[in-house]
Amino acid sequence: MKKVMVHPERCVGCMQCMMSCATAHSQSKSLFTAISEKPLPKPRVHVGAGRYGEGFPNRCRHCDPAPCLSACLPGAIFRDHATGTILINPERCINCASCAMACPFGVIRYHQEYSAPIGKAVAVKCDNCLERQIPACVEVCKSGALTYEEPSSAMKRKTDEVARSICADAMKENTTPGFALLNAVKRAEVRMREEKSCTI
C-alpha cells in the first residue's frame, strides 16, 4: 500500500506543501478563493526547522498502533481499514487535547474547520487526501522531499543512495567501501561530540 514518505534531506523549506494542503482542505479547493474563506483553511502538514536549520515537512505518520486513537475518549479518531489512514470525525471531537498530548510527532492541531460544527474548534491532522489520487503536498513538492510510494521501494532507493555515496567516498579516499563507511561514521561521531561541547 502506498504511503507518503518524508525525505527531510531534500526539503528546501519552500512551504509549498503547506499552501497546497490548506487549499486542498478548503471549501472551494482554489487558492484564489480559499484565502477569503471563513474560517480560513489551515495546512495539515507543517514545515519546521530541523536540527541543522534545514526544512522538515512534519505530517501525520498514521501510526499502527496509533497513540492518538487510543487516547481519544469520545471515539472521534478512527482508522480507515481500507487505506490504513487515521481520521477524525469532527462531530464527535470534544476538543479535550488528549490526542495531541499522545501524539509523539506533534502533528495534531486545534482550530475551526468548515467541515466541523460552526464556531467549534476541533482536532485536525493529515487525512492523506483520501479524495485525491495523489496527496496535495506530494503533488506540489518539486524537491522530492515528499513522495507517494510503497515503503519497500522507498527503502530500497535510500539504501542504493547510501551505497552509491559510500562507494564514491571510497574512490575519493582511494580505499575500500568498508573503510569509507567506517571513516564516515567516525566523522559523524566527531561532529556530534563537537556539537555537544558547543551546547554545554
Protein backbone atom coordinates (compact mmCIF):
# COMPACT_ATOMS: atom_id res chain seq x y z
CA MET A 1 0.00 0.00 0.00
CA LYS A 2 1.41 3.41 -1.00
CA LYS A 3 2.24 5.94 1.70
CA VAL A 4 3.57 9.48 1.83
CA MET A 5 7.29 9.20 2.52
CA VAL A 6 9.24 12.12 4.01
CA HIS A 7 12.81 12.76 2.83
CA PRO A 8 13.94 15.67 5.06
CA GLU A 9 17.39 15.85 3.43
CA ARG A 10 15.68 17.03 0.22
CA CYS A 11 13.45 19.69 1.82
CA VAL A 12 14.33 23.26 0.82
CA GLY A 13 11.83 24.85 3.23
CA CYS A 14 9.70 26.45 0.47
CA MET A 15 6.45 25.63 2.34
CA GLN A 16 4.58 24.94 -0.92
CA CYS A 17 3.26 21.75 0.69
CA MET A 18 1.60 23.80 3.44
CA MET A 19 -0.13 26.12 0.97
CA SER A 20 -1.26 23.22 -1.22
CA CYS A 21 -2.55 21.30 1.81
CA ALA A 22 -4.56 24.29 3.09
CA THR A 23 -6.04 24.79 -0.40
CA ALA A 24 -6.95 21.09 -0.72
CA HIS A 25 -8.80 21.29 2.62
CA SER A 26 -10.70 24.47 1.78
CA GLN A 27 -14.33 24.64 0.67
CA SER A 28 -13.54 25.94 -2.81
CA LYS A 29 -10.32 23.90 -3.44
CA SER A 30 -8.94 27.02 -5.15
CA LEU A 31 -6.11 29.13 -3.75
CA PHE A 32 -7.58 32.39 -5.03
CA THR A 33 -10.90 31.95 -3.23
CA ALA A 34 -9.60 29.92 -0.24
CA ILE A 35 -7.72 32.94 1.16
CA SER A 36 -11.02 34.77 1.75
CA GLU A 37 -12.95 31.84 3.26
CA LYS A 38 -14.27 31.84 6.81
CA PRO A 39 -12.88 30.01 8.68
CA LEU A 40 -9.56 30.39 6.88
CA PRO A 41 -8.30 26.94 5.79
CA LYS A 42 -5.11 25.83 7.53
CA PRO A 43 -2.48 23.28 6.49
CA ARG A 44 -2.21 19.82 7.99
CA VAL A 45 1.47 19.46 7.14
CA HIS A 46 3.91 21.86 8.80
CA VAL A 47 7.45 22.68 7.71
CA GLY A 48 9.66 23.33 10.69
CA ALA A 49 13.40 23.75 11.12
CA GLY A 50 15.42 20.57 11.57
CA ARG A 51 18.45 20.15 13.79
CA TYR A 52 20.81 21.85 11.34
CA GLY A 53 18.38 24.58 10.24
CA GLU A 54 17.11 22.73 7.18
CA GLY A 55 13.39 22.34 6.49
CA PHE A 56 11.47 19.35 7.81
CA PRO A 57 7.96 18.59 6.48
CA ASN A 58 6.19 17.22 9.57
CA ARG A 59 2.97 15.32 8.95
CA CYS A 60 0.91 12.51 10.49
CA ARG A 61 2.54 9.07 10.17
CA HIS A 62 -0.80 7.22 10.59
CA CYS A 63 0.89 5.03 13.20
CA ASP A 64 -0.07 1.42 13.84
CA PRO A 65 -0.86 1.23 16.70
CA ALA A 66 -1.84 4.90 16.87
CA PRO A 67 -1.40 6.61 20.27
CA CYS A 68 -3.91 9.34 19.32
CA LEU A 69 -6.59 6.74 18.56
CA SER A 70 -6.02 5.04 21.92
CA ALA A 71 -6.14 8.37 23.76
CA CYS A 72 -9.37 9.63 22.15
CA LEU A 73 -12.04 9.23 24.84
CA PRO A 74 -15.14 10.13 22.76
CA GLY A 75 -14.07 7.88 19.87
CA ALA A 76 -13.69 10.73 17.37
CA ILE A 77 -10.47 9.23 15.99
CA PHE A 78 -10.71 6.05 13.93
CA ARG A 79 -8.77 4.10 11.32
CA ASP A 80 -9.98 3.65 7.75
CA HIS A 81 -9.08 -0.03 7.36
CA ALA A 82 -9.09 0.08 3.55
CA THR A 83 -6.25 2.63 3.45
CA GLY A 84 -4.75 2.46 6.96
CA THR A 85 -5.38 6.20 7.37
CA ILE A 86 -6.18 7.63 10.80
CA LEU A 87 -9.14 10.01 10.52
CA ILE A 88 -11.02 12.37 12.85
CA ASN A 89 -14.80 12.77 13.00
CA PRO A 90 -15.27 16.49 13.81
CA GLU A 91 -18.83 15.88 15.03
CA ARG A 92 -17.56 13.65 17.87
CA CYS A 93 -14.46 15.67 18.80
CA ILE A 94 -14.84 17.36 22.23
CA ASN A 95 -11.58 19.37 21.98
CA CYS A 96 -10.05 17.66 25.04
CA ALA A 97 -6.50 17.60 23.53
CA SER A 98 -5.81 14.04 24.71
CA CYS A 99 -4.84 13.04 21.18
CA ALA A 100 -2.42 15.97 20.82
CA MET A 101 -0.72 15.03 24.08
CA ALA A 102 -0.44 11.39 22.99
CA CYS A 103 0.95 12.15 19.51
CA PRO A 104 4.75 11.70 19.54
CA PHE A 105 5.16 13.84 16.40
CA GLY A 106 3.13 16.91 17.41
CA VAL A 107 1.02 16.94 14.26
CA ILE A 108 -2.48 17.38 15.73
CA ARG A 109 -3.70 20.99 15.86
CA TYR A 110 -6.97 22.57 17.02
CA HIS A 111 -8.90 25.13 15.01
CA GLN A 112 -12.22 25.78 13.30
CA GLU A 113 -12.90 23.92 10.07
CA TYR A 114 -15.69 24.31 7.53
CA SER A 115 -16.49 20.58 7.96
CA ALA A 116 -16.94 20.97 11.74
CA PRO A 117 -19.94 22.45 13.57
CA ILE A 118 -19.93 26.27 13.24
CA GLY A 119 -17.77 28.01 15.83
CA LYS A 120 -16.32 24.77 17.20
CA ALA A 121 -12.55 24.21 17.28
CA VAL A 122 -11.74 20.56 16.63
CA ALA A 123 -8.70 18.30 16.32
CA VAL A 124 -7.28 18.47 12.79
CA LYS A 125 -4.50 16.45 11.16
CA CYS A 126 -3.43 14.93 7.84
CA ASP A 127 -6.05 12.71 6.24
CA ASN A 128 -3.81 11.56 3.35
CA CYS A 129 -6.10 13.47 0.94
CA LEU A 130 -8.24 10.35 0.53
CA GLU A 131 -10.44 12.04 -2.09
CA ARG A 132 -7.40 12.61 -4.35
CA GLN A 133 -5.23 10.13 -6.25
CA ILE A 134 -2.04 11.79 -5.04
CA PRO A 135 -1.93 13.81 -1.79
CA ALA A 136 -1.75 17.58 -2.39
CA CYS A 137 1.55 18.01 -0.50
CA VAL A 138 3.26 15.36 -2.65
CA GLU A 139 1.86 16.71 -5.89
CA VAL A 140 3.31 20.18 -5.29
CA CYS A 141 6.71 19.16 -3.83
CA LYS A 142 9.29 19.83 -6.54
CA SER A 143 12.36 18.89 -4.47
CA GLY A 144 11.17 15.31 -3.82
CA ALA A 145 11.06 15.79 -0.03
CA LEU A 146 7.58 14.21 -0.08
CA THR A 147 6.89 11.18 -2.26
CA TYR A 148 3.92 8.84 -2.58
CA GLU A 149 5.18 5.28 -2.94
CA GLU A 150 5.46 1.82 -1.48
CA PRO A 151 7.61 1.91 1.70
CA SER A 152 9.67 -1.07 0.45
CA SER A 153 10.65 0.69 -2.79
CA ALA A 154 11.47 3.91 -0.87
CA MET A 155 13.71 1.92 1.48
CA LYS A 156 15.47 0.20 -1.42
CA ARG A 157 16.09 3.51 -3.16
CA LYS A 158 17.50 5.03 0.06
CA THR A 159 19.77 2.01 0.57
CA ASP A 160 21.02 2.35 -3.01
CA GLU A 161 21.71 6.08 -2.49
CA VAL A 162 23.73 5.40 0.65
CA ALA A 163 25.66 2.60 -1.07
CA ARG A 164 26.49 4.86 -4.04
CA SER A 165 27.61 7.62 -1.67
CA ILE A 166 29.89 5.24 0.27
CA CYS A 167 31.39 3.87 -2.97
CA ALA A 168 32.03 7.43 -4.20
CA ASP A 169 33.74 8.26 -0.89
CA ALA A 170 35.83 5.09 -1.19
CA MET A 171 37.00 6.15 -4.65
CA LYS A 172 37.90 9.65 -3.38
CA GLU A 173 39.79 8.24 -0.39
CA ASN A 174 41.37 5.51 -2.54
CA THR A 175 40.19 2.81 -0.12
CA THR A 176 37.56 0.06 0.12
CA PRO A 177 33.85 0.81 0.72
CA GLY A 178 34.11 -0.75 4.20
CA PHE A 179 36.84 1.69 5.27
CA ALA A 180 34.97 4.61 3.67
CA LEU A 181 31.88 3.73 5.73
CA LEU A 182 33.97 3.46 8.90
CA ASN A 183 35.55 6.86 8.20
CA ALA A 184 32.10 8.41 7.61
CA VAL A 185 30.87 7.04 10.96
CA LYS A 186 33.95 8.40 12.74
CA ARG A 187 33.46 11.84 11.17
CA ALA A 188 29.81 11.84 12.29
CA GLU A 189 30.84 10.91 15.85
CA VAL A 190 33.39 13.74 15.95
CA ARG A 191 30.77 16.20 14.65
CA MET A 192 28.29 15.07 17.34
CA ARG A 193 30.92 15.46 20.09
CA GLU A 194 31.74 18.97 18.84
CA GLU A 195 28.07 19.93 18.84
CA LYS A 196 27.61 18.65 22.41
CA SER A 197 30.63 20.60 23.63
CA CYS A 198 29.23 23.77 21.98
CA THR A 199 25.86 23.41 23.71
CA ILE A 200 27.29 22.86 27.21
